Amino acid sequence: MEGRKLLNTEVAISFVKDTFVQQLKKSLNLIPISSPLVVLDGTGLNDDLNGIERPVSFPIKSLNEKRAVVVHSLAKWKRVRLKELEMLPGEGIVTDMKALRPDEDYTPIHSIYVDQWDWEKVIDKNQRTLALLKETVLKIYDSLRYTEKEVENKYPQIQAILPETITFISSEELLQKYPNLNAKERENAITKEYGAVFLYGIGGALSNGVAHDGRAADYDD
């Protein structure tokens, strides 16, 4: 009986993933592609996250013992792949990314194993605006809400809880709203208040001299 429960859970997980990616593809004009689990060390393709996380690495016999590293994320690889595939502005890619992050802290939403949808698309320089960012976030959020509704229809015991809209706020505005809380406490407080929040501007120093969160220094190169 326990095995059947586990099987039903796996079926439900597959349903959620399939439903969401199909909606995401339509909303953002994305083409599914395969992605690597490992890349060669020293190529610059692996995302070093905050710059202190250690990747899993091993030598490759057939490549004269060159070392390979298990990806942390595909942030840099995706941009190279877009160029290799000669994608045009407005076109993008999506992939089911697998990764290992051995230095990750365990939480209810994080572990050393990463399995997530990862996407990237080409835009013109003049499109790098906050307006386009928000427009894109709304499309992703609509895909999430669509998926949640489909899950509720298929599994009535699971109720949809996401609010109709997502709230946008900058990390500086968030600091001013909750000046006596640390970064994670501010995130928790704003999410409790609005239910769904998109926080932007997390990498630079705020008015208190501290960045909201860490990120790779060359992430936006």
N, C-alpha and C. Protein backbone atom coordinates (compact mmCIF):
# COMPACT_ATOMS: atom_id res chain seq x y z
N MET A 1 0.83 -1.21 0.00
CA MET A 1 0.00 0.00 0.00
C MET A 1 0.86 1.26 0.00
N GLU A 2 1.94 1.21 0.79
CA GLU A 2 2.84 2.36 0.86
C GLU A 2 3.48 2.61 -0.50
N GLY A 3 3.81 1.52 -1.21
CA GLY A 3 4.40 1.67 -2.53
C GLY A 3 3.47 2.36 -3.51
N ARG A 4 2.18 2.06 -3.43
CA ARG A 4 1.21 2.70 -4.33
C ARG A 4 1.10 4.20 -4.03
N LYS A 5 1.21 4.57 -2.75
CA LYS A 5 1.18 5.99 -2.39
C LYS A 5 2.37 6.71 -3.01
N LEU A 6 3.53 6.07 -2.93
CA LEU A 6 4.73 6.66 -3.52
C LEU A 6 4.58 6.80 -5.03
N LEU A 7 4.00 5.77 -5.65
CA LEU A 7 3.79 5.81 -7.09
C LEU A 7 2.84 6.94 -7.46
N ASN A 8 1.75 7.09 -6.72
CA ASN A 8 0.80 8.17 -6.98
C ASN A 8 1.46 9.54 -6.84
N THR A 9 2.37 9.66 -5.87
CA THR A 9 3.10 10.92 -5.70
C THR A 9 3.97 11.21 -6.90
N GLU A 10 4.65 10.18 -7.42
CA GLU A 10 5.49 10.37 -8.60
C GLU A 10 4.65 10.77 -9.81
N VAL A 11 3.49 10.17 -9.96
CA VAL A 11 2.60 10.52 -11.06
C VAL A 11 2.16 11.98 -10.94
N ALA A 12 1.86 12.41 -9.73
CA ALA A 12 1.42 13.78 -9.50
C ALA A 12 2.54 14.77 -9.79
N ILE A 13 3.76 14.44 -9.38
CA ILE A 13 4.91 15.30 -9.65
C ILE A 13 5.11 15.46 -11.15
N SER A 14 5.01 14.35 -11.87
CA SER A 14 5.16 14.39 -13.33
C SER A 14 4.08 15.26 -13.96
N PHE A 15 2.86 15.17 -13.45
CA PHE A 15 1.76 15.97 -13.97
C PHE A 15 2.03 17.46 -13.78
N VAL A 16 2.52 17.83 -12.59
CA VAL A 16 2.83 19.23 -12.30
C VAL A 16 3.92 19.75 -13.23
N LYS A 17 4.98 18.98 -13.39
CA LYS A 17 6.10 19.42 -14.22
C LYS A 17 5.70 19.53 -15.68
N ASP A 18 4.97 18.55 -16.18
CA ASP A 18 4.55 18.58 -17.59
C ASP A 18 3.59 19.74 -17.87
N THR A 19 2.65 19.96 -16.96
CA THR A 19 1.68 21.03 -17.14
C THR A 19 2.37 22.39 -17.15
N PHE A 20 3.25 22.60 -16.19
CA PHE A 20 3.91 23.90 -16.08
C PHE A 20 4.79 24.20 -17.27
N VAL A 21 5.60 23.24 -17.70
CA VAL A 21 6.53 23.54 -18.79
C VAL A 21 5.79 23.77 -20.10
N GLN A 22 4.69 23.07 -20.33
CA GLN A 22 3.92 23.31 -21.54
C GLN A 22 3.37 24.73 -21.56
N GLN A 23 2.89 25.20 -20.43
CA GLN A 23 2.36 26.55 -20.34
C GLN A 23 3.48 27.59 -20.45
N LEU A 24 4.61 27.30 -19.84
CA LEU A 24 5.75 28.22 -19.89
C LEU A 24 6.26 28.37 -21.31
N LYS A 25 6.34 27.26 -22.04
CA LYS A 25 6.78 27.30 -23.44
C LYS A 25 5.91 28.22 -24.27
N LYS A 26 4.60 28.11 -24.10
CA LYS A 26 3.68 28.94 -24.88
C LYS A 26 3.77 30.40 -24.47
N SER A 27 3.90 30.66 -23.19
CA SER A 27 3.89 32.03 -22.70
C SER A 27 5.14 32.81 -23.10
N LEU A 28 6.28 32.14 -23.12
CA LEU A 28 7.55 32.83 -23.35
C LEU A 28 8.22 32.49 -24.68
N ASN A 29 7.56 31.67 -25.51
CA ASN A 29 8.12 31.28 -26.80
C ASN A 29 9.46 30.55 -26.63
N LEU A 30 9.42 29.45 -25.90
CA LEU A 30 10.62 28.68 -25.58
C LEU A 30 10.64 27.34 -26.31
N ILE A 31 11.84 26.91 -26.67
CA ILE A 31 12.04 25.62 -27.32
C ILE A 31 12.76 24.69 -26.34
N PRO A 32 12.23 23.50 -26.06
CA PRO A 32 12.90 22.57 -25.14
C PRO A 32 14.21 22.05 -25.73
N ILE A 33 15.26 22.02 -24.92
CA ILE A 33 16.55 21.47 -25.34
C ILE A 33 17.11 20.62 -24.19
N SER A 34 18.11 19.81 -24.50
CA SER A 34 18.82 19.05 -23.47
C SER A 34 19.93 19.92 -22.90
N SER A 35 20.39 19.58 -21.71
CA SER A 35 21.43 20.37 -21.06
C SER A 35 22.42 19.46 -20.36
N PRO A 36 23.64 19.95 -20.10
CA PRO A 36 24.68 19.10 -19.51
C PRO A 36 24.55 18.97 -18.01
N LEU A 37 24.98 17.82 -17.50
CA LEU A 37 25.12 17.65 -16.06
C LEU A 37 26.51 18.10 -15.61
N VAL A 38 27.50 17.96 -16.50
CA VAL A 38 28.87 18.37 -16.17
C VAL A 38 29.43 19.23 -17.31
N VAL A 39 30.38 20.08 -16.96
CA VAL A 39 31.15 20.85 -17.93
C VAL A 39 32.61 20.76 -17.53
N LEU A 40 33.51 21.04 -18.46
CA LEU A 40 34.94 21.00 -18.15
C LEU A 40 35.31 22.16 -17.23
N ASP A 41 36.15 21.88 -16.27
CA ASP A 41 36.63 22.90 -15.35
C ASP A 41 37.48 23.91 -16.12
N GLY A 42 37.38 25.18 -15.73
CA GLY A 42 38.21 26.20 -16.35
C GLY A 42 37.63 26.82 -17.60
N THR A 43 36.46 26.35 -18.05
CA THR A 43 35.85 26.91 -19.26
C THR A 43 35.02 28.15 -18.97
N GLY A 44 34.71 28.38 -17.69
CA GLY A 44 33.86 29.52 -17.33
C GLY A 44 32.39 29.26 -17.50
N LEU A 45 32.02 28.03 -17.86
CA LEU A 45 30.61 27.74 -18.12
C LEU A 45 29.81 27.43 -16.86
N ASN A 46 30.50 27.01 -15.81
CA ASN A 46 29.75 26.70 -14.59
C ASN A 46 29.51 27.97 -13.79
N ASP A 47 28.31 28.13 -13.32
CA ASP A 47 27.96 29.28 -12.50
C ASP A 47 28.57 29.08 -11.12
N ASP A 48 29.38 30.05 -10.67
CA ASP A 48 30.01 29.89 -9.35
C ASP A 48 29.17 30.49 -8.23
N LEU A 49 27.89 30.81 -8.53
CA LEU A 49 26.94 31.28 -7.52
C LEU A 49 27.53 32.46 -6.75
N ASN A 50 27.76 32.31 -5.46
CA ASN A 50 28.32 33.41 -4.66
C ASN A 50 29.84 33.44 -4.70
N GLY A 51 30.45 32.51 -5.42
CA GLY A 51 31.90 32.49 -5.53
C GLY A 51 32.62 31.67 -4.49
N ILE A 52 31.89 31.06 -3.57
CA ILE A 52 32.53 30.28 -2.51
C ILE A 52 32.08 28.82 -2.51
N GLU A 53 31.02 28.50 -3.25
CA GLU A 53 30.53 27.12 -3.28
C GLU A 53 31.48 26.22 -4.06
N ARG A 54 31.73 25.04 -3.54
CA ARG A 54 32.65 24.09 -4.17
C ARG A 54 31.88 23.13 -5.07
N PRO A 55 32.24 23.06 -6.35
CA PRO A 55 31.57 22.11 -7.24
C PRO A 55 32.09 20.69 -7.05
N VAL A 56 31.26 19.70 -7.33
CA VAL A 56 31.70 18.31 -7.38
C VAL A 56 32.54 18.15 -8.64
N SER A 57 33.73 17.57 -8.52
CA SER A 57 34.62 17.46 -9.68
C SER A 57 35.25 16.08 -9.75
N PHE A 58 35.69 15.70 -10.94
CA PHE A 58 36.34 14.41 -11.14
C PHE A 58 37.15 14.44 -12.43
N PRO A 59 38.20 13.61 -12.54
CA PRO A 59 38.99 13.57 -13.77
C PRO A 59 38.33 12.68 -14.82
N ILE A 60 38.55 13.00 -16.10
CA ILE A 60 38.01 12.21 -17.21
C ILE A 60 39.17 11.49 -17.90
N LYS A 61 39.16 10.18 -17.82
CA LYS A 61 40.26 9.37 -18.35
C LYS A 61 40.50 9.62 -19.82
N SER A 62 39.45 9.65 -20.63
CA SER A 62 39.60 9.77 -22.09
C SER A 62 40.00 11.17 -22.54
N LEU A 63 40.02 12.13 -21.61
CA LEU A 63 40.43 13.50 -21.94
C LEU A 63 41.72 13.86 -21.21
N ASN A 64 42.61 12.87 -21.07
CA ASN A 64 43.91 13.08 -20.42
C ASN A 64 43.77 13.66 -19.01
N GLU A 65 42.81 13.12 -18.29
CA GLU A 65 42.57 13.47 -16.89
C GLU A 65 42.13 14.92 -16.67
N LYS A 66 41.63 15.58 -17.72
CA LYS A 66 41.03 16.89 -17.50
C LYS A 66 39.88 16.75 -16.52
N ARG A 67 39.71 17.75 -15.70
CA ARG A 67 38.68 17.66 -14.67
C ARG A 67 37.35 18.22 -15.18
N ALA A 68 36.31 17.51 -14.83
CA ALA A 68 34.95 17.97 -15.10
C ALA A 68 34.31 18.39 -13.79
N VAL A 69 33.38 19.32 -13.86
CA VAL A 69 32.65 19.76 -12.66
C VAL A 69 31.16 19.60 -12.91
N VAL A 70 30.46 19.12 -11.89
CA VAL A 70 29.00 19.05 -11.97
C VAL A 70 28.45 20.47 -11.84
N VAL A 71 27.53 20.81 -12.71
CA VAL A 71 27.05 22.20 -12.75
C VAL A 71 26.37 22.59 -11.44
N HIS A 72 26.55 23.86 -11.06
CA HIS A 72 25.77 24.47 -9.98
C HIS A 72 24.46 25.00 -10.54
N SER A 73 24.58 25.67 -11.68
CA SER A 73 23.42 26.14 -12.42
C SER A 73 23.86 26.34 -13.86
N LEU A 74 22.89 26.66 -14.72
CA LEU A 74 23.19 26.82 -16.16
C LEU A 74 23.16 28.28 -16.59
N ALA A 75 23.31 29.20 -15.64
CA ALA A 75 23.18 30.62 -15.94
C ALA A 75 24.08 31.04 -17.10
N LYS A 76 25.33 30.61 -17.08
CA LYS A 76 26.27 31.02 -18.12
C LYS A 76 26.17 30.11 -19.35
N TRP A 77 25.98 28.83 -19.13
CA TRP A 77 25.88 27.89 -20.25
C TRP A 77 24.71 28.25 -21.16
N LYS A 78 23.59 28.68 -20.59
CA LYS A 78 22.41 28.99 -21.40
C LYS A 78 22.70 30.11 -22.40
N ARG A 79 23.45 31.09 -21.99
CA ARG A 79 23.73 32.23 -22.87
C ARG A 79 24.64 31.82 -24.02
N VAL A 80 25.59 30.97 -23.71
CA VAL A 80 26.45 30.43 -24.78
C VAL A 80 25.62 29.60 -25.75
N ARG A 81 24.70 28.81 -25.20
CA ARG A 81 23.88 27.94 -26.05
C ARG A 81 22.95 28.76 -26.95
N LEU A 82 22.42 29.84 -26.45
CA LEU A 82 21.58 30.70 -27.28
C LEU A 82 22.35 31.19 -28.51
N LYS A 83 23.61 31.55 -28.30
CA LYS A 83 24.44 32.02 -29.42
C LYS A 83 24.74 30.88 -30.38
N GLU A 84 25.06 29.70 -29.84
CA GLU A 84 25.37 28.55 -30.69
C GLU A 84 24.18 28.16 -31.56
N LEU A 85 22.98 28.30 -31.00
CA LEU A 85 21.76 27.92 -31.72
C LEU A 85 21.23 29.04 -32.61
N GLU A 86 21.93 30.17 -32.62
CA GLU A 86 21.55 31.32 -33.45
C GLU A 86 20.11 31.75 -33.20
N MET A 87 19.76 31.80 -31.92
CA MET A 87 18.41 32.22 -31.55
C MET A 87 18.24 33.71 -31.81
N LEU A 88 17.04 34.10 -32.21
CA LEU A 88 16.72 35.48 -32.55
C LEU A 88 16.02 36.16 -31.36
N PRO A 89 16.03 37.50 -31.31
CA PRO A 89 15.31 38.20 -30.24
C PRO A 89 13.86 37.73 -30.15
N GLY A 90 13.44 37.43 -28.94
CA GLY A 90 12.09 36.92 -28.71
C GLY A 90 12.02 35.42 -28.64
N GLU A 91 13.10 34.72 -29.07
CA GLU A 91 13.17 33.26 -29.00
C GLU A 91 13.97 32.85 -27.76
N GLY A 92 13.64 31.66 -27.24
CA GLY A 92 14.36 31.21 -26.06
C GLY A 92 14.38 29.70 -25.94
N ILE A 93 15.05 29.24 -24.88
CA ILE A 93 15.21 27.81 -24.63
C ILE A 93 14.74 27.49 -23.21
N VAL A 94 14.33 26.25 -23.00
CA VAL A 94 13.97 25.77 -21.68
C VAL A 94 14.49 24.35 -21.55
N THR A 95 14.97 24.01 -20.35
CA THR A 95 15.53 22.68 -20.14
C THR A 95 15.25 22.23 -18.70
N ASP A 96 15.19 20.93 -18.52
CA ASP A 96 15.02 20.35 -17.18
C ASP A 96 16.41 20.15 -16.60
N MET A 97 16.84 21.11 -15.80
CA MET A 97 18.21 21.13 -15.29
C MET A 97 18.39 20.25 -14.07
N LYS A 98 19.48 19.49 -14.07
CA LYS A 98 19.90 18.73 -12.89
C LYS A 98 21.25 19.28 -12.44
N ALA A 99 21.43 19.43 -11.15
CA ALA A 99 22.68 19.99 -10.64
C ALA A 99 22.94 19.48 -9.23
N LEU A 100 24.18 19.68 -8.77
CA LEU A 100 24.56 19.36 -7.40
C LEU A 100 25.21 20.58 -6.76
N ARG A 101 24.77 20.90 -5.54
CA ARG A 101 25.35 22.01 -4.78
C ARG A 101 25.71 21.51 -3.39
N PRO A 102 26.91 20.92 -3.24
CA PRO A 102 27.25 20.28 -1.97
C PRO A 102 27.34 21.22 -0.78
N ASP A 103 27.49 22.52 -1.01
CA ASP A 103 27.58 23.47 0.10
C ASP A 103 26.24 24.11 0.44
N GLU A 104 25.17 23.64 -0.20
CA GLU A 104 23.84 24.21 0.05
C GLU A 104 23.36 23.85 1.46
N ASP A 105 22.75 24.80 2.14
CA ASP A 105 22.13 24.52 3.44
C ASP A 105 20.79 23.83 3.22
N TYR A 106 20.51 22.82 4.01
CA TYR A 106 19.23 22.11 3.90
C TYR A 106 18.10 22.95 4.48
N THR A 107 17.05 23.15 3.66
CA THR A 107 15.83 23.81 4.10
C THR A 107 14.67 23.06 3.45
N PRO A 108 13.42 23.40 3.80
CA PRO A 108 12.29 22.74 3.14
C PRO A 108 12.25 22.93 1.63
N ILE A 109 12.96 23.95 1.10
CA ILE A 109 12.93 24.18 -0.35
C ILE A 109 14.32 24.08 -1.00
N HIS A 110 15.34 23.66 -0.25
CA HIS A 110 16.68 23.53 -0.81
C HIS A 110 17.32 22.22 -0.36
N SER A 111 18.13 21.66 -1.24
CA SER A 111 18.95 20.50 -0.90
C SER A 111 20.18 20.54 -1.77
N ILE A 112 21.06 19.54 -1.64
CA ILE A 112 22.26 19.53 -2.48
C ILE A 112 21.93 19.11 -3.91
N TYR A 113 20.77 18.47 -4.12
CA TYR A 113 20.35 18.05 -5.45
C TYR A 113 19.35 19.06 -5.99
N VAL A 114 19.60 19.56 -7.20
CA VAL A 114 18.73 20.54 -7.83
C VAL A 114 18.06 19.91 -9.05
N ASP A 115 16.75 20.03 -9.14
CA ASP A 115 15.99 19.57 -10.31
C ASP A 115 14.97 20.66 -10.59
N GLN A 116 15.21 21.46 -11.63
CA GLN A 116 14.35 22.61 -11.86
C GLN A 116 14.26 22.94 -13.35
N TRP A 117 13.17 23.62 -13.71
CA TRP A 117 13.08 24.15 -15.06
C TRP A 117 13.96 25.38 -15.16
N ASP A 118 14.77 25.44 -16.22
CA ASP A 118 15.70 26.53 -16.42
C ASP A 118 15.50 27.08 -17.83
N TRP A 119 15.39 28.39 -17.97
CA TRP A 119 15.11 28.95 -19.28
C TRP A 119 15.91 30.23 -19.51
N GLU A 120 16.02 30.62 -20.76
CA GLU A 120 16.70 31.86 -21.15
C GLU A 120 16.22 32.24 -22.53
N LYS A 121 16.11 33.53 -22.80
CA LYS A 121 15.72 33.96 -24.14
C LYS A 121 16.53 35.17 -24.57
N VAL A 122 16.53 35.40 -25.87
CA VAL A 122 17.28 36.51 -26.45
C VAL A 122 16.41 37.77 -26.45
N ILE A 123 17.00 38.88 -26.01
CA ILE A 123 16.33 40.17 -26.11
C ILE A 123 17.33 41.19 -26.64
N ASP A 124 16.82 42.25 -27.24
CA ASP A 124 17.67 43.35 -27.69
C ASP A 124 18.13 44.18 -26.48
N LYS A 125 19.22 44.92 -26.67
CA LYS A 125 19.74 45.75 -25.58
C LYS A 125 18.70 46.74 -25.08
N ASN A 126 17.91 47.30 -26.01
CA ASN A 126 16.93 48.30 -25.59
C ASN A 126 15.73 47.70 -24.87
N GLN A 127 15.69 46.36 -24.80
CA GLN A 127 14.61 45.69 -24.08
C GLN A 127 14.99 45.38 -22.63
N ARG A 128 16.22 45.69 -22.25
CA ARG A 128 16.66 45.41 -20.88
C ARG A 128 16.10 46.47 -19.94
N THR A 129 14.81 46.37 -19.70
CA THR A 129 14.10 47.35 -18.89
C THR A 129 13.33 46.67 -17.77
N LEU A 130 13.01 47.46 -16.75
CA LEU A 130 12.21 46.93 -15.66
C LEU A 130 10.81 46.56 -16.15
N ALA A 131 10.32 47.29 -17.13
CA ALA A 131 8.98 47.01 -17.66
C ALA A 131 8.92 45.62 -18.28
N LEU A 132 9.95 45.26 -19.08
CA LEU A 132 9.96 43.94 -19.70
C LEU A 132 10.14 42.85 -18.65
N LEU A 133 10.96 43.13 -17.64
CA LEU A 133 11.15 42.17 -16.55
C LEU A 133 9.81 41.86 -15.89
N LYS A 134 9.06 42.90 -15.57
CA LYS A 134 7.77 42.70 -14.90
C LYS A 134 6.79 41.97 -15.81
N GLU A 135 6.79 42.33 -17.10
CA GLU A 135 5.91 41.66 -18.05
C GLU A 135 6.21 40.17 -18.11
N THR A 136 7.49 39.83 -18.10
CA THR A 136 7.91 38.42 -18.15
C THR A 136 7.52 37.69 -16.87
N VAL A 137 7.72 38.34 -15.74
CA VAL A 137 7.35 37.74 -14.45
C VAL A 137 5.86 37.44 -14.41
N LEU A 138 5.05 38.35 -14.93
CA LEU A 138 3.60 38.13 -14.94
C LEU A 138 3.23 36.92 -15.78
N LYS A 139 3.93 36.71 -16.89
CA LYS A 139 3.67 35.53 -17.72
C LYS A 139 4.04 34.24 -16.98
N ILE A 140 5.17 34.28 -16.30
CA ILE A 140 5.58 33.10 -15.52
C ILE A 140 4.58 32.84 -14.39
N TYR A 141 4.16 33.91 -13.72
CA TYR A 141 3.20 33.76 -12.63
C TYR A 141 1.87 33.21 -13.12
N ASP A 142 1.43 33.67 -14.29
CA ASP A 142 0.20 33.15 -14.88
C ASP A 142 0.34 31.65 -15.17
N SER A 143 1.53 31.24 -15.60
CA SER A 143 1.78 29.81 -15.85
C SER A 143 1.70 29.02 -14.56
N LEU A 144 2.22 29.59 -13.48
CA LEU A 144 2.15 28.93 -12.18
C LEU A 144 0.70 28.80 -11.71
N ARG A 145 -0.07 29.88 -11.87
CA ARG A 145 -1.46 29.84 -11.43
C ARG A 145 -2.28 28.87 -12.29
N TYR A 146 -1.99 28.83 -13.59
CA TYR A 146 -2.67 27.87 -14.46
C TYR A 146 -2.37 26.44 -13.99
N THR A 147 -1.11 26.18 -13.70
CA THR A 147 -0.72 24.84 -13.23
C THR A 147 -1.41 24.50 -11.92
N GLU A 148 -1.45 25.47 -11.01
CA GLU A 148 -2.10 25.24 -9.72
C GLU A 148 -3.58 24.90 -9.90
N LYS A 149 -4.26 25.59 -10.82
CA LYS A 149 -5.67 25.31 -11.06
C LYS A 149 -5.87 23.92 -11.66
N GLU A 150 -4.96 23.54 -12.57
CA GLU A 150 -5.04 22.20 -13.17
C GLU A 150 -4.81 21.12 -12.12
N VAL A 151 -3.92 21.37 -11.20
CA VAL A 151 -3.68 20.42 -10.11
C VAL A 151 -4.93 20.31 -9.24
N GLU A 152 -5.55 21.44 -8.94
CA GLU A 152 -6.78 21.41 -8.13
C GLU A 152 -7.89 20.64 -8.84
N ASN A 153 -8.00 20.81 -10.16
CA ASN A 153 -9.02 20.08 -10.92
C ASN A 153 -8.78 18.57 -10.89
N LYS A 154 -7.50 18.20 -10.96
CA LYS A 154 -7.16 16.77 -11.00
C LYS A 154 -7.14 16.15 -9.60
N TYR A 155 -6.73 16.94 -8.63
CA TYR A 155 -6.63 16.46 -7.25
C TYR A 155 -7.41 17.44 -6.35
N PRO A 156 -8.72 17.31 -6.24
CA PRO A 156 -9.57 18.28 -5.52
C PRO A 156 -9.16 18.48 -4.06
N GLN A 157 -8.44 17.52 -3.49
CA GLN A 157 -8.03 17.68 -2.09
C GLN A 157 -6.94 18.74 -1.94
N ILE A 158 -6.33 19.16 -3.07
CA ILE A 158 -5.31 20.21 -3.05
C ILE A 158 -5.95 21.50 -3.55
N GLN A 159 -6.06 22.48 -2.69
CA GLN A 159 -6.71 23.73 -3.03
C GLN A 159 -5.72 24.76 -3.56
N ALA A 160 -6.11 25.47 -4.62
CA ALA A 160 -5.29 26.56 -5.15
C ALA A 160 -5.26 27.71 -4.15
N ILE A 161 -4.07 28.25 -3.87
CA ILE A 161 -3.94 29.29 -2.84
C ILE A 161 -3.25 30.56 -3.34
N LEU A 162 -2.69 30.53 -4.55
CA LEU A 162 -1.96 31.71 -5.02
C LEU A 162 -2.92 32.87 -5.26
N PRO A 163 -2.52 34.09 -4.88
CA PRO A 163 -3.37 35.27 -5.15
C PRO A 163 -3.44 35.54 -6.65
N GLU A 164 -4.43 36.35 -7.05
CA GLU A 164 -4.64 36.61 -8.47
C GLU A 164 -3.46 37.34 -9.11
N THR A 165 -2.77 38.16 -8.32
CA THR A 165 -1.66 38.92 -8.89
C THR A 165 -0.43 38.78 -8.00
N ILE A 166 0.72 39.13 -8.56
CA ILE A 166 1.97 39.08 -7.82
C ILE A 166 2.42 40.51 -7.55
N THR A 167 2.96 40.76 -6.39
CA THR A 167 3.40 42.09 -5.98
C THR A 167 4.87 42.30 -6.31
N PHE A 168 5.20 43.42 -6.91
CA PHE A 168 6.59 43.77 -7.22
C PHE A 168 7.11 44.77 -6.20
N ILE A 169 8.35 44.55 -5.77
CA ILE A 169 8.99 45.48 -4.83
C ILE A 169 10.50 45.38 -4.99
N SER A 170 11.19 46.50 -4.89
CA SER A 170 12.65 46.49 -4.96
C SER A 170 13.23 46.16 -3.59
N SER A 171 14.47 45.70 -3.57
CA SER A 171 15.09 45.35 -2.29
C SER A 171 15.26 46.59 -1.40
N GLU A 172 15.46 47.78 -2.02
CA GLU A 172 15.56 49.01 -1.22
C GLU A 172 14.22 49.38 -0.61
N GLU A 173 13.15 49.27 -1.40
CA GLU A 173 11.81 49.54 -0.87
C GLU A 173 11.47 48.57 0.26
N LEU A 174 11.91 47.33 0.10
CA LEU A 174 11.65 46.33 1.14
C LEU A 174 12.40 46.68 2.42
N LEU A 175 13.63 47.17 2.28
CA LEU A 175 14.40 47.58 3.45
C LEU A 175 13.71 48.74 4.18
N GLN A 176 13.21 49.72 3.41
CA GLN A 176 12.53 50.85 4.03
C GLN A 176 11.23 50.43 4.71
N LYS A 177 10.59 49.40 4.17
CA LYS A 177 9.32 48.92 4.74
C LYS A 177 9.55 48.17 6.05
N TYR A 178 10.65 47.42 6.11
CA TYR A 178 10.96 46.64 7.32
C TYR A 178 12.40 46.92 7.75
N PRO A 179 12.71 48.13 8.24
CA PRO A 179 14.10 48.50 8.53
C PRO A 179 14.73 47.74 9.69
N ASN A 180 13.93 47.14 10.54
CA ASN A 180 14.47 46.46 11.71
C ASN A 180 14.62 44.95 11.52
N LEU A 181 14.34 44.47 10.30
CA LEU A 181 14.44 43.04 10.02
C LEU A 181 15.64 42.77 9.13
N ASN A 182 16.19 41.55 9.22
CA ASN A 182 17.26 41.18 8.29
C ASN A 182 16.64 40.76 6.96
N ALA A 183 17.49 40.47 5.97
CA ALA A 183 17.01 40.24 4.60
C ALA A 183 15.98 39.11 4.53
N LYS A 184 16.28 37.96 5.13
CA LYS A 184 15.36 36.82 5.06
C LYS A 184 14.07 37.11 5.82
N GLU A 185 14.19 37.82 6.93
CA GLU A 185 12.98 38.17 7.69
C GLU A 185 12.11 39.14 6.89
N ARG A 186 12.74 40.05 6.14
CA ARG A 186 11.98 40.97 5.29
C ARG A 186 11.24 40.19 4.20
N GLU A 187 11.91 39.22 3.60
CA GLU A 187 11.27 38.39 2.57
C GLU A 187 10.05 37.67 3.15
N ASN A 188 10.21 37.09 4.33
CA ASN A 188 9.10 36.36 4.95
C ASN A 188 7.94 37.31 5.26
N ALA A 189 8.27 38.51 5.76
CA ALA A 189 7.22 39.45 6.16
C ALA A 189 6.41 39.93 4.95
N ILE A 190 7.08 40.28 3.86
CA ILE A 190 6.37 40.79 2.68
C ILE A 190 5.54 39.69 2.03
N THR A 191 6.04 38.46 2.07
CA THR A 191 5.30 37.35 1.47
C THR A 191 4.06 37.02 2.29
N LYS A 192 4.18 37.09 3.61
CA LYS A 192 3.01 36.87 4.46
C LYS A 192 1.95 37.93 4.19
N GLU A 193 2.39 39.14 3.90
CA GLU A 193 1.45 40.24 3.70
C GLU A 193 0.72 40.13 2.36
N TYR A 194 1.46 39.75 1.28
CA TYR A 194 0.87 39.79 -0.06
C TYR A 194 0.65 38.41 -0.69
N GLY A 195 1.30 37.39 -0.19
CA GLY A 195 1.06 36.04 -0.71
C GLY A 195 1.98 35.62 -1.84
N ALA A 196 2.26 36.53 -2.78
CA ALA A 196 3.18 36.25 -3.89
C ALA A 196 3.93 37.54 -4.20
N VAL A 197 5.25 37.48 -4.17
CA VAL A 197 6.07 38.69 -4.30
C VAL A 197 7.24 38.43 -5.23
N PHE A 198 7.53 39.42 -6.10
CA PHE A 198 8.76 39.38 -6.90
C PHE A 198 9.67 40.50 -6.42
N LEU A 199 10.86 40.11 -5.95
CA LEU A 199 11.83 41.05 -5.41
C LEU A 199 12.93 41.27 -6.43
N TYR A 200 13.20 42.53 -6.79
CA TYR A 200 14.24 42.82 -7.75
C TYR A 200 15.28 43.78 -7.14
N GLY A 201 16.47 43.80 -7.78
CA GLY A 201 17.54 44.66 -7.28
C GLY A 201 18.23 44.08 -6.06
N ILE A 202 18.52 42.76 -6.09
CA ILE A 202 19.07 42.12 -4.89
C ILE A 202 20.59 42.15 -4.81
N GLY A 203 21.28 42.50 -5.90
CA GLY A 203 22.73 42.32 -5.93
C GLY A 203 23.53 43.49 -5.40
N GLY A 204 23.04 44.72 -5.55
CA GLY A 204 23.82 45.90 -5.16
C GLY A 204 23.62 46.28 -3.71
N ALA A 205 24.56 47.09 -3.20
CA ALA A 205 24.47 47.55 -1.82
C ALA A 205 23.25 48.47 -1.64
N LEU A 206 22.55 48.30 -0.54
CA LEU A 206 21.39 49.12 -0.23
C LEU A 206 21.80 50.35 0.58
N SER A 207 20.83 51.14 1.00
CA SER A 207 21.14 52.36 1.74
C SER A 207 21.79 52.08 3.08
N ASN A 208 21.66 50.87 3.59
CA ASN A 208 22.33 50.49 4.84
C ASN A 208 23.73 49.95 4.60
N GLY A 209 24.17 49.96 3.32
CA GLY A 209 25.52 49.52 2.98
C GLY A 209 25.67 48.03 2.77
N VAL A 210 24.57 47.29 2.85
CA VAL A 210 24.62 45.83 2.73
C VAL A 210 23.76 45.38 1.56
N ALA A 211 24.26 44.46 0.74
CA ALA A 211 23.46 43.88 -0.34
C ALA A 211 22.38 42.99 0.26
N HIS A 212 21.24 42.93 -0.41
CA HIS A 212 20.15 42.08 0.09
C HIS A 212 20.56 40.62 0.11
N ASP A 213 21.26 40.19 -0.94
CA ASP A 213 21.67 38.78 -1.04
C ASP A 213 22.91 38.71 -1.91
N GLY A 214 23.62 37.59 -1.84
CA GLY A 214 24.83 37.41 -2.62
C GLY A 214 24.51 36.86 -4.00
N ARG A 215 25.44 37.06 -4.93
CA ARG A 215 25.31 36.53 -6.28
C ARG A 215 26.69 36.54 -6.90
N ALA A 216 26.86 35.76 -7.99
CA ALA A 216 28.14 35.74 -8.67
C ALA A 216 28.44 37.12 -9.23
N ALA A 217 29.68 37.57 -9.06
CA ALA A 217 30.06 38.92 -9.48
C ALA A 217 29.91 39.15 -10.97
N ASP A 218 30.10 38.07 -11.78
CA ASP A 218 30.06 38.23 -13.23
C ASP A 218 28.77 37.67 -13.82
N TYR A 219 27.73 37.53 -13.03
CA TYR A 219 26.50 36.89 -13.50
C TYR A 219 25.89 37.62 -14.68
N ASP A 220 25.98 38.95 -14.69
CA ASP A 220 25.34 39.74 -15.74
C ASP A 220 26.31 40.14 -16.85
N ASP A 221 27.47 39.52 -16.94
CA ASP A 221 28.41 39.85 -18.01
C ASP A 221 27.79 39.56 -19.35
